[in-house]
Amino acid sequence: MRVHDLVETKEFFIGETKPNFHVIYEKFENNDAVYVGGIIQTKKLGIEEIIQIFRGEEDTLCNVERYCIGKEYPNIEAVLAKVKNNHKEIFIQA
């Protein structure tokens, strides 16, 4: 069984986005867990870092876009620049 442990989260662009929009960073430690002979054994699968854009509607959040750090983008800063350039509609106009 795959286990995804959320170990860090942070919201970016607070006060810069329109109401109900959120840009969230999440860092997961991924493990594979198996039950063998009465013992749970785990094997580390690695770290996963993502930034997601959510649109909030009352009590629910809908995913607008998901960016994987380390696969498509080298670091957090690259993703944040992409969000600012490609999702101008979520930001408050200055």
PDB file of N, CA and C in Angstrom:
ATOM      1  N   MET A   1       0.847  -1.161   0.000  1.00  0.00           N
ATOM      2  CA  MET A   1       0.000   0.000   0.000  1.00  0.00           C
ATOM      3  C   MET A   1       0.902   1.236   0.000  1.00  0.00           C
ATOM      4  N   ARG A   2       0.548   2.185  -0.848  1.00  0.00           N
ATOM      5  CA  ARG A   2       1.281   3.448  -0.893  1.00  0.00           C
ATOM      6  C   ARG A   2       0.785   4.377   0.201  1.00  0.00           C
ATOM      7  N   VAL A   3       1.739   4.998   0.886  1.00  0.00           N
ATOM      8  CA  VAL A   3       1.412   5.949   1.947  1.00  0.00           C
ATOM      9  C   VAL A   3       2.045   7.284   1.580  1.00  0.00           C
ATOM     10  N   HIS A   4       1.226   8.324   1.541  1.00  0.00           N
ATOM     11  CA  HIS A   4       1.689   9.676   1.211  1.00  0.00           C
ATOM     12  C   HIS A   4       1.553  10.532   2.458  1.00  0.00           C
ATOM     13  N   ASP A   5       2.666  10.803   3.132  1.00  0.00           N
ATOM     14  CA  ASP A   5       2.656  11.611   4.339  1.00  0.00           C
ATOM     15  C   ASP A   5       2.937  13.066   3.993  1.00  0.00           C
ATOM     16  N   LEU A   6       1.978  13.946   4.310  1.00  0.00           N
ATOM     17  CA  LEU A   6       2.154  15.377   4.102  1.00  0.00           C
ATOM     18  C   LEU A   6       3.055  15.899   5.209  1.00  0.00           C
ATOM     19  N   VAL A   7       4.242  16.419   4.847  1.00  0.00           N
ATOM     20  CA  VAL A   7       5.208  16.867   5.851  1.00  0.00           C
ATOM     21  C   VAL A   7       5.399  18.376   5.868  1.00  0.00           C
ATOM     22  N   GLU A   8       4.930  19.062   4.818  1.00  0.00           N
ATOM     23  CA  GLU A   8       5.065  20.521   4.775  1.00  0.00           C
ATOM     24  C   GLU A   8       4.025  21.092   3.832  1.00  0.00           C
ATOM     25  N   THR A   9       3.487  22.244   4.203  1.00  0.00           N
ATOM     26  CA  THR A   9       2.545  22.943   3.336  1.00  0.00           C
ATOM     27  C   THR A   9       2.700  24.443   3.546  1.00  0.00           C
ATOM     28  N   LYS A  10       2.455  25.202   2.498  1.00  0.00           N
ATOM     29  CA  LYS A  10       2.576  26.653   2.576  1.00  0.00           C
ATOM     30  C   LYS A  10       1.692  27.275   1.506  1.00  0.00           C
ATOM     31  N   GLU A  11       1.039  28.377   1.859  1.00  0.00           N
ATOM     32  CA  GLU A  11       0.241  29.102   0.874  1.00  0.00           C
ATOM     33  C   GLU A  11       1.044  30.293   0.363  1.00  0.00           C
ATOM     34  N   PHE A  12       1.072  30.454  -0.957  1.00  0.00           N
ATOM     35  CA  PHE A  12       1.779  31.570  -1.592  1.00  0.00           C
ATOM     36  C   PHE A  12       0.785  32.603  -2.105  1.00  0.00           C
ATOM     37  N   PHE A  13       1.259  33.808  -2.317  1.00  0.00           N
ATOM     38  CA  PHE A  13       0.504  34.923  -2.894  1.00  0.00           C
ATOM     39  C   PHE A  13      -0.689  35.334  -2.025  1.00  0.00           C
ATOM     40  N   ILE A  14      -0.548  35.197  -0.714  1.00  0.00           N
ATOM     41  CA  ILE A  14      -1.616  35.624   0.196  1.00  0.00           C
ATOM     42  C   ILE A  14      -1.807  37.137   0.041  1.00  0.00           C
ATOM     43  N   GLY A  15      -3.046  37.548  -0.150  1.00  0.00           N
ATOM     44  CA  GLY A  15      -3.351  38.960  -0.344  1.00  0.00           C
ATOM     45  C   GLY A  15      -3.180  39.441  -1.775  1.00  0.00           C
ATOM     46  N   GLU A  16      -2.633  38.600  -2.633  1.00  0.00           N
ATOM     47  CA  GLU A  16      -2.416  38.961  -4.034  1.00  0.00           C
ATOM     48  C   GLU A  16      -3.434  38.312  -4.968  1.00  0.00           C
ATOM     49  N   THR A  17      -4.081  37.242  -4.489  1.00  0.00           N
ATOM     50  CA  THR A  17      -5.048  36.545  -5.338  1.00  0.00           C
ATOM     51  C   THR A  17      -6.459  37.020  -5.036  1.00  0.00           C
ATOM     52  N   LYS A  18      -7.327  36.826  -6.002  1.00  0.00           N
ATOM     53  CA  LYS A  18      -8.736  37.153  -5.820  1.00  0.00           C
ATOM     54  C   LYS A  18      -9.330  36.247  -4.742  1.00  0.00           C
ATOM     55  N   PRO A  19     -10.450  36.703  -4.141  1.00  0.00           N
ATOM     56  CA  PRO A  19     -11.090  35.841  -3.130  1.00  0.00           C
ATOM     57  C   PRO A  19     -11.393  34.455  -3.706  1.00  0.00           C
ATOM     58  N   ASN A  20     -11.237  33.463  -2.888  1.00  0.00           N
ATOM     59  CA  ASN A  20     -11.527  32.065  -3.222  1.00  0.00           C
ATOM     60  C   ASN A  20     -10.462  31.391  -4.084  1.00  0.00           C
ATOM     61  N   PHE A  21      -9.329  32.052  -4.331  1.00  0.00           N
ATOM     62  CA  PHE A  21      -8.223  31.399  -5.037  1.00  0.00           C
ATOM     63  C   PHE A  21      -7.067  31.198  -4.070  1.00  0.00           C
ATOM     64  N   HIS A  22      -6.427  30.023  -4.158  1.00  0.00           N
ATOM     65  CA  HIS A  22      -5.331  29.676  -3.261  1.00  0.00           C
ATOM     66  C   HIS A  22      -4.231  28.982  -4.059  1.00  0.00           C
ATOM     67  N   VAL A  23      -2.979  29.373  -3.807  1.00  0.00           N
ATOM     68  CA  VAL A  23      -1.814  28.724  -4.415  1.00  0.00           C
ATOM     69  C   VAL A  23      -1.084  28.029  -3.271  1.00  0.00           C
ATOM     70  N   ILE A  24      -1.111  26.694  -3.287  1.00  0.00           N
ATOM     71  CA  ILE A  24      -0.648  25.892  -2.154  1.00  0.00           C
ATOM     72  C   ILE A  24       0.527  24.996  -2.551  1.00  0.00           C
ATOM     73  N   TYR A  25       1.588  25.064  -1.745  1.00  0.00           N
ATOM     74  CA  TYR A  25       2.739  24.169  -1.876  1.00  0.00           C
ATOM     75  C   TYR A  25       2.542  23.009  -0.906  1.00  0.00           C
ATOM     76  N   GLU A  26       2.822  21.788  -1.365  1.00  0.00           N
ATOM     77  CA  GLU A  26       2.744  20.608  -0.509  1.00  0.00           C
ATOM     78  C   GLU A  26       3.963  19.721  -0.746  1.00  0.00           C
ATOM     79  N   LYS A  27       4.515  19.226   0.336  1.00  0.00           N
ATOM     80  CA  LYS A  27       5.651  18.298   0.265  1.00  0.00           C
ATOM     81  C   LYS A  27       5.231  16.996   0.932  1.00  0.00           C
ATOM     82  N   PHE A  28       5.385  15.897   0.207  1.00  0.00           N
ATOM     83  CA  PHE A  28       4.997  14.576   0.687  1.00  0.00           C
ATOM     84  C   PHE A  28       6.210  13.664   0.779  1.00  0.00           C
ATOM     85  N   GLU A  29       6.235  12.812   1.811  1.00  0.00           N
ATOM     86  CA  GLU A  29       7.164  11.691   1.870  1.00  0.00           C
ATOM     87  C   GLU A  29       6.358  10.462   1.473  1.00  0.00           C
ATOM     88  N   ASN A  30       6.770   9.812   0.407  1.00  0.00           N
ATOM     89  CA  ASN A  30       6.041   8.651  -0.105  1.00  0.00           C
ATOM     90  C   ASN A  30       6.739   7.359   0.315  1.00  0.00           C
ATOM     91  N   ASN A  31       5.935   6.411   0.802  1.00  0.00           N
ATOM     92  CA  ASN A  31       6.444   5.119   1.249  1.00  0.00           C
ATOM     93  C   ASN A  31       5.547   4.007   0.712  1.00  0.00           C
ATOM     94  N   ASP A  32       6.127   2.830   0.618  1.00  0.00           N
ATOM     95  CA  ASP A  32       5.364   1.632   0.305  1.00  0.00           C
ATOM     96  C   ASP A  32       5.315   0.811   1.597  1.00  0.00           C
ATOM     97  N   ALA A  33       4.118   0.508   2.071  1.00  0.00           N
ATOM     98  CA  ALA A  33       3.962  -0.237   3.324  1.00  0.00           C
ATOM     99  C   ALA A  33       3.332  -1.599   3.044  1.00  0.00           C
ATOM    100  N   VAL A  34       3.911  -2.628   3.646  1.00  0.00           N
ATOM    101  CA  VAL A  34       3.365  -3.984   3.515  1.00  0.00           C
ATOM    102  C   VAL A  34       3.310  -4.627   4.896  1.00  0.00           C
ATOM    103  N   TYR A  35       2.331  -5.495   5.065  1.00  0.00           N
ATOM    104  CA  TYR A  35       2.146  -6.225   6.316  1.00  0.00           C
ATOM    105  C   TYR A  35       2.686  -7.632   6.119  1.00  0.00           C
ATOM    106  N   VAL A  36       3.776  -7.956   6.826  1.00  0.00           N
ATOM    107  CA  VAL A  36       4.415  -9.263   6.665  1.00  0.00           C
ATOM    108  C   VAL A  36       4.660  -9.873   8.047  1.00  0.00           C
ATOM    109  N   GLY A  37       4.068 -11.027   8.276  1.00  0.00           N
ATOM    110  CA  GLY A  37       4.306 -11.746   9.527  1.00  0.00           C
ATOM    111  C   GLY A  37       3.968 -10.958  10.774  1.00  0.00           C
ATOM    112  N   GLY A  38       2.897 -10.187  10.730  1.00  0.00           N
ATOM    113  CA  GLY A  38       2.484  -9.416  11.901  1.00  0.00           C
ATOM    114  C   GLY A  38       3.218  -8.109  12.086  1.00  0.00           C
ATOM    115  N   ILE A  39       4.052  -7.749  11.120  1.00  0.00           N
ATOM    116  CA  ILE A  39       4.838  -6.508  11.205  1.00  0.00           C
ATOM    117  C   ILE A  39       4.603  -5.682   9.945  1.00  0.00           C
ATOM    118  N   ILE A  40       4.457  -4.374  10.137  1.00  0.00           N
ATOM    119  CA  ILE A  40       4.353  -3.466   8.987  1.00  0.00           C
ATOM    120  C   ILE A  40       5.759  -3.028   8.607  1.00  0.00           C
ATOM    121  N   GLN A  41       6.120  -3.292   7.357  1.00  0.00           N
ATOM    122  CA  GLN A  41       7.424  -2.890   6.844  1.00  0.00           C
ATOM    123  C   GLN A  41       7.219  -1.773   5.826  1.00  0.00           C
ATOM    124  N   THR A  42       8.078  -0.761   5.886  1.00  0.00           N
ATOM    125  CA  THR A  42       7.965   0.351   4.942  1.00  0.00           C
ATOM    126  C   THR A  42       9.242   0.500   4.136  1.00  0.00           C
ATOM    127  N   LYS A  43       9.057   0.950   2.928  1.00  0.00           N
ATOM    128  CA  LYS A  43      10.179   1.232   2.031  1.00  0.00           C
ATOM    129  C   LYS A  43       9.991   2.641   1.503  1.00  0.00           C
ATOM    130  N   LYS A  44      11.017   3.488   1.664  1.00  0.00           N
ATOM    131  CA  LYS A  44      10.919   4.863   1.205  1.00  0.00           C
ATOM    132  C   LYS A  44      10.924   4.917  -0.322  1.00  0.00           C
ATOM    133  N   LEU A  45       9.974   5.666  -0.857  1.00  0.00           N
ATOM    134  CA  LEU A  45       9.875   5.830  -2.304  1.00  0.00           C
ATOM    135  C   LEU A  45      10.352   7.198  -2.762  1.00  0.00           C
ATOM    136  N   GLY A  46      10.523   8.120  -1.826  1.00  0.00           N
ATOM    137  CA  GLY A  46      11.035   9.426  -2.191  1.00  0.00           C
ATOM    138  C   GLY A  46      10.124  10.568  -1.763  1.00  0.00           C
ATOM    139  N   ILE A  47      10.551  11.743  -2.128  1.00  0.00           N
ATOM    140  CA  ILE A  47       9.859  12.986  -1.796  1.00  0.00           C
ATOM    141  C   ILE A  47       9.117  13.472  -3.036  1.00  0.00           C
ATOM    142  N   GLU A  48       7.923  13.998  -2.834  1.00  0.00           N
ATOM    143  CA  GLU A  48       7.139  14.597  -3.916  1.00  0.00           C
ATOM    144  C   GLU A  48       6.764  16.012  -3.483  1.00  0.00           C
ATOM    145  N   GLU A  49       7.040  16.988  -4.354  1.00  0.00           N
ATOM    146  CA  GLU A  49       6.700  18.377  -4.080  1.00  0.00           C
ATOM    147  C   GLU A  49       5.798  18.881  -5.195  1.00  0.00           C
ATOM    148  N   ILE A  50       4.697  19.501  -4.812  1.00  0.00           N
ATOM    149  CA  ILE A  50       3.763  20.031  -5.811  1.00  0.00           C
ATOM    150  C   ILE A  50       3.254  21.399  -5.374  1.00  0.00           C
ATOM    151  N   ILE A  51       2.856  22.173  -6.349  1.00  0.00           N
ATOM    152  CA  ILE A  51       2.129  23.420  -6.111  1.00  0.00           C
ATOM    153  C   ILE A  51       0.829  23.299  -6.879  1.00  0.00           C
ATOM    154  N   GLN A  52      -0.268  23.570  -6.166  1.00  0.00           N
ATOM    155  CA  GLN A  52      -1.585  23.480  -6.775  1.00  0.00           C
ATOM    156  C   GLN A  52      -2.310  24.812  -6.637  1.00  0.00           C
ATOM    157  N   ILE A  53      -3.084  25.125  -7.646  1.00  0.00           N
ATOM    158  CA  ILE A  53      -3.980  26.278  -7.595  1.00  0.00           C
ATOM    159  C   ILE A  53      -5.370  25.727  -7.333  1.00  0.00           C
ATOM    160  N   PHE A  54      -5.996  26.240  -6.288  1.00  0.00           N
ATOM    161  CA  PHE A  54      -7.352  25.829  -5.937  1.00  0.00           C
ATOM    162  C   PHE A  54      -8.294  27.022  -6.030  1.00  0.00           C
ATOM    163  N   ARG A  55      -9.522  26.731  -6.416  1.00  0.00           N
ATOM    164  CA  ARG A  55     -10.603  27.720  -6.374  1.00  0.00           C
ATOM    165  C   ARG A  55     -11.577  27.227  -5.314  1.00  0.00           C
ATOM    166  N   GLY A  56     -11.830  28.072  -4.322  1.00  0.00           N
ATOM    167  CA  GLY A  56     -12.723  27.686  -3.244  1.00  0.00           C
ATOM    168  C   GLY A  56     -14.144  28.089  -3.536  1.00  0.00           C
ATOM    169  N   GLU A  57     -15.055  27.176  -3.312  1.00  0.00           N
ATOM    170  CA  GLU A  57     -16.484  27.447  -3.480  1.00  0.00           C
ATOM    171  C   GLU A  57     -17.181  26.937  -2.234  1.00  0.00           C
ATOM    172  N   GLU A  58     -17.470  27.861  -1.326  1.00  0.00           N
ATOM    173  CA  GLU A  58     -18.081  27.559  -0.037  1.00  0.00           C
ATOM    174  C   GLU A  58     -17.212  26.575   0.734  1.00  0.00           C
ATOM    175  N   ASP A  59     -17.649  25.332   0.898  1.00  0.00           N
ATOM    176  CA  ASP A  59     -16.916  24.367   1.715  1.00  0.00           C
ATOM    177  C   ASP A  59     -16.019  23.429   0.916  1.00  0.00           C
ATOM    178  N   THR A  60     -15.859  23.672  -0.377  1.00  0.00           N
ATOM    179  CA  THR A  60     -15.053  22.778  -1.200  1.00  0.00           C
ATOM    180  C   THR A  60     -13.984  23.552  -1.947  1.00  0.00           C
ATOM    181  N   LEU A  61     -12.922  22.849  -2.302  1.00  0.00           N
ATOM    182  CA  LEU A  61     -11.875  23.412  -3.145  1.00  0.00           C
ATOM    183  C   LEU A  61     -11.805  22.597  -4.430  1.00  0.00           C
ATOM    184  N   CYS A  62     -11.775  23.292  -5.553  1.00  0.00           N
ATOM    185  CA  CYS A  62     -11.639  22.644  -6.861  1.00  0.00           C
ATOM    186  C   CYS A  62     -10.243  22.927  -7.387  1.00  0.00           C
ATOM    187  N   ASN A  63      -9.568  21.883  -7.859  1.00  0.00           N
ATOM    188  CA  ASN A  63      -8.237  22.042  -8.412  1.00  0.00           C
ATOM    189  C   ASN A  63      -8.316  22.724  -9.770  1.00  0.00           C
ATOM    190  N   VAL A  64      -7.540  23.797  -9.927  1.00  0.00           N
ATOM    191  CA  VAL A  64      -7.460  24.520 -11.198  1.00  0.00           C
ATOM    192  C   VAL A  64      -6.264  24.018 -12.004  1.00  0.00           C
ATOM    193  N   GLU A  65      -5.135  23.848 -11.314  1.00  0.00           N
ATOM    194  CA  GLU A  65      -3.902  23.409 -11.990  1.00  0.00           C
ATOM    195  C   GLU A  65      -2.976  22.794 -10.955  1.00  0.00           C
ATOM    196  N   ARG A  66      -2.135  21.866 -11.417  1.00  0.00           N
ATOM    197  CA  ARG A  66      -1.172  21.181 -10.549  1.00  0.00           C
ATOM    198  C   ARG A  66       0.186  21.193 -11.237  1.00  0.00           C
ATOM    199  N   TYR A  67       1.226  21.570 -10.493  1.00  0.00           N
ATOM    200  CA  TYR A  67       2.590  21.620 -11.013  1.00  0.00           C
ATOM    201  C   TYR A  67       3.491  20.742 -10.143  1.00  0.00           C
ATOM    202  N   CYS A  68       4.236  19.843 -10.764  1.00  0.00           N
ATOM    203  CA  CYS A  68       5.148  18.950 -10.046  1.00  0.00           C
ATOM    204  C   CYS A  68       6.562  19.521 -10.081  1.00  0.00           C
ATOM    205  N   ILE A  69       7.126  19.735  -8.916  1.00  0.00           N
ATOM    206  CA  ILE A  69       8.487  20.257  -8.807  1.00  0.00           C
ATOM    207  C   ILE A  69       9.460  19.094  -8.936  1.00  0.00           C
ATOM    208  N   GLY A  70      10.501  19.309  -9.732  1.00  0.00           N
ATOM    209  CA  GLY A  70      11.504  18.269  -9.922  1.00  0.00           C
ATOM    210  C   GLY A  70      11.287  17.444 -11.166  1.00  0.00           C
ATOM    211  N   LYS A  71      10.064  17.445 -11.681  1.00  0.00           N
ATOM    212  CA  LYS A  71       9.781  16.714 -12.910  1.00  0.00           C
ATOM    213  C   LYS A  71       9.662  17.724 -14.045  1.00  0.00           C
ATOM    214  N   GLU A  72       8.612  18.532 -13.984  1.00  0.00           N
ATOM    215  CA  GLU A  72       8.382  19.526 -15.030  1.00  0.00           C
ATOM    216  C   GLU A  72       9.113  20.839 -14.757  1.00  0.00           C
ATOM    217  N   TYR A  73       9.340  21.123 -13.475  1.00  0.00           N
ATOM    218  CA  TYR A  73       9.943  22.395 -13.070  1.00  0.00           C
ATOM    219  C   TYR A  73      11.054  22.128 -12.061  1.00  0.00           C
ATOM    220  N   PRO A  74      12.188  22.847 -12.171  1.00  0.00           N
ATOM    221  CA  PRO A  74      13.344  22.542 -11.322  1.00  0.00           C
ATOM    222  C   PRO A  74      13.188  22.938  -9.850  1.00  0.00           C
ATOM    223  N   ASN A  75      12.355  23.956  -9.568  1.00  0.00           N
ATOM    224  CA  ASN A  75      12.244  24.424  -8.186  1.00  0.00           C
ATOM    225  C   ASN A  75      10.942  25.206  -7.976  1.00  0.00           C
ATOM    226  N   ILE A  76      10.704  25.586  -6.736  1.00  0.00           N
ATOM    227  CA  ILE A  76       9.481  26.315  -6.377  1.00  0.00           C
ATOM    228  C   ILE A  76       9.392  27.635  -7.133  1.00  0.00           C
ATOM    229  N   GLU A  77      10.506  28.348  -7.224  1.00  0.00           N
ATOM    230  CA  GLU A  77      10.515  29.653  -7.872  1.00  0.00           C
ATOM    231  C   GLU A  77      10.078  29.569  -9.336  1.00  0.00           C
ATOM    232  N   ALA A  78      10.466  28.507 -10.018  1.00  0.00           N
ATOM    233  CA  ALA A  78      10.075  28.324 -11.418  1.00  0.00           C
ATOM    234  C   ALA A  78       8.568  28.127 -11.541  1.00  0.00           C
ATOM    235  N   VAL A  79       8.003  27.393 -10.620  1.00  0.00           N
ATOM    236  CA  VAL A  79       6.550  27.175 -10.640  1.00  0.00           C
ATOM    237  C   VAL A  79       5.815  28.474 -10.322  1.00  0.00           C
ATOM    238  N   LEU A  80       6.282  29.213  -9.324  1.00  0.00           N
ATOM    239  CA  LEU A  80       5.620  30.465  -8.962  1.00  0.00           C
ATOM    240  C   LEU A  80       5.657  31.468 -10.116  1.00  0.00           C
ATOM    241  N   ALA A  81       6.760  31.510 -10.851  1.00  0.00           N
ATOM    242  CA  ALA A  81       6.847  32.379 -12.029  1.00  0.00           C
ATOM    243  C   ALA A  81       5.847  31.928 -13.093  1.00  0.00           C
ATOM    244  N   LYS A  82       5.712  30.636 -13.300  1.00  0.00           N
ATOM    245  CA  LYS A  82       4.753  30.081 -14.268  1.00  0.00           C
ATOM    246  C   LYS A  82       3.326  30.437 -13.867  1.00  0.00           C
ATOM    247  N   VAL A  83       3.012  30.314 -12.575  1.00  0.00           N
ATOM    248  CA  VAL A  83       1.675  30.656 -12.082  1.00  0.00           C
ATOM    249  C   VAL A  83       1.378  32.127 -12.361  1.00  0.00           C
ATOM    250  N   LYS A  84       2.325  33.009 -12.046  1.00  0.00           N
ATOM    251  CA  LYS A  84       2.112  34.450 -12.266  1.00  0.00           C
ATOM    252  C   LYS A  84       1.917  34.768 -13.750  1.00  0.00           C
ATOM    253  N   ASN A  85       2.639  34.076 -14.622  1.00  0.00           N
ATOM    254  CA  ASN A  85       2.544  34.353 -16.057  1.00  0.00           C
ATOM    255  C   ASN A  85       1.324  33.716 -16.709  1.00  0.00           C
ATOM    256  N   ASN A  86       0.959  32.513 -16.297  1.00  0.00           N
ATOM    257  CA  ASN A  86      -0.099  31.761 -16.982  1.00  0.00           C
ATOM    258  C   ASN A  86      -1.475  31.865 -16.339  1.00  0.00           C
ATOM    259  N   HIS A  87      -1.530  32.402 -15.137  1.00  0.00           N
ATOM    260  CA  HIS A  87      -2.821  32.468 -14.422  1.00  0.00           C
ATOM    261  C   HIS A  87      -3.084  33.874 -13.895  1.00  0.00           C
ATOM    262  N   LYS A  88      -2.916  34.851 -14.750  1.00  0.00           N
ATOM    263  CA  LYS A  88      -3.123  36.238 -14.350  1.00  0.00           C
ATOM    264  C   LYS A  88      -4.550  36.489 -13.880  1.00  0.00           C
ATOM    265  N   GLU A  89      -5.485  35.645 -14.330  1.00  0.00           N
ATOM    266  CA  GLU A  89      -6.892  35.823 -13.980  1.00  0.00           C
ATOM    267  C   GLU A  89      -7.172  35.579 -12.500  1.00  0.00           C
ATOM    268  N   ILE A  90      -6.272  34.915 -11.780  1.00  0.00           N
ATOM    269  CA  ILE A  90      -6.507  34.659 -10.353  1.00  0.00           C
ATOM    270  C   ILE A  90      -5.993  35.782  -9.456  1.00  0.00           C
ATOM    271  N   PHE A  91      -5.234  36.707 -10.032  1.00  0.00           N
ATOM    272  CA  PHE A  91      -4.616  37.766  -9.248  1.00  0.00           C
ATOM    273  C   PHE A  91      -5.442  39.049  -9.246  1.00  0.00           C
ATOM    274  N   ILE A  92      -5.365  39.764  -8.128  1.00  0.00           N
ATOM    275  CA  ILE A  92      -6.010  41.070  -8.016  1.00  0.00           C
ATOM    276  C   ILE A  92      -5.228  42.040  -8.896  1.00  0.00           C
ATOM    277  N   GLN A  93      -5.940  42.793  -9.697  1.00  0.00           N
ATOM    278  CA  GLN A  93      -5.290  43.771 -10.578  1.00  0.00           C
ATOM    279  C   GLN A  93      -4.835  44.974  -9.764  1.00  0.00           C
ATOM    280  N   ALA A  94      -3.597  45.368  -9.953  1.00  0.00           N
ATOM    281  CA  ALA A  94      -3.030  46.512  -9.198  1.00  0.00           C
ATOM    282  C   ALA A  94      -3.407  47.827  -9.855  1.00  0.00           C
TER     283      ALA A  94
END
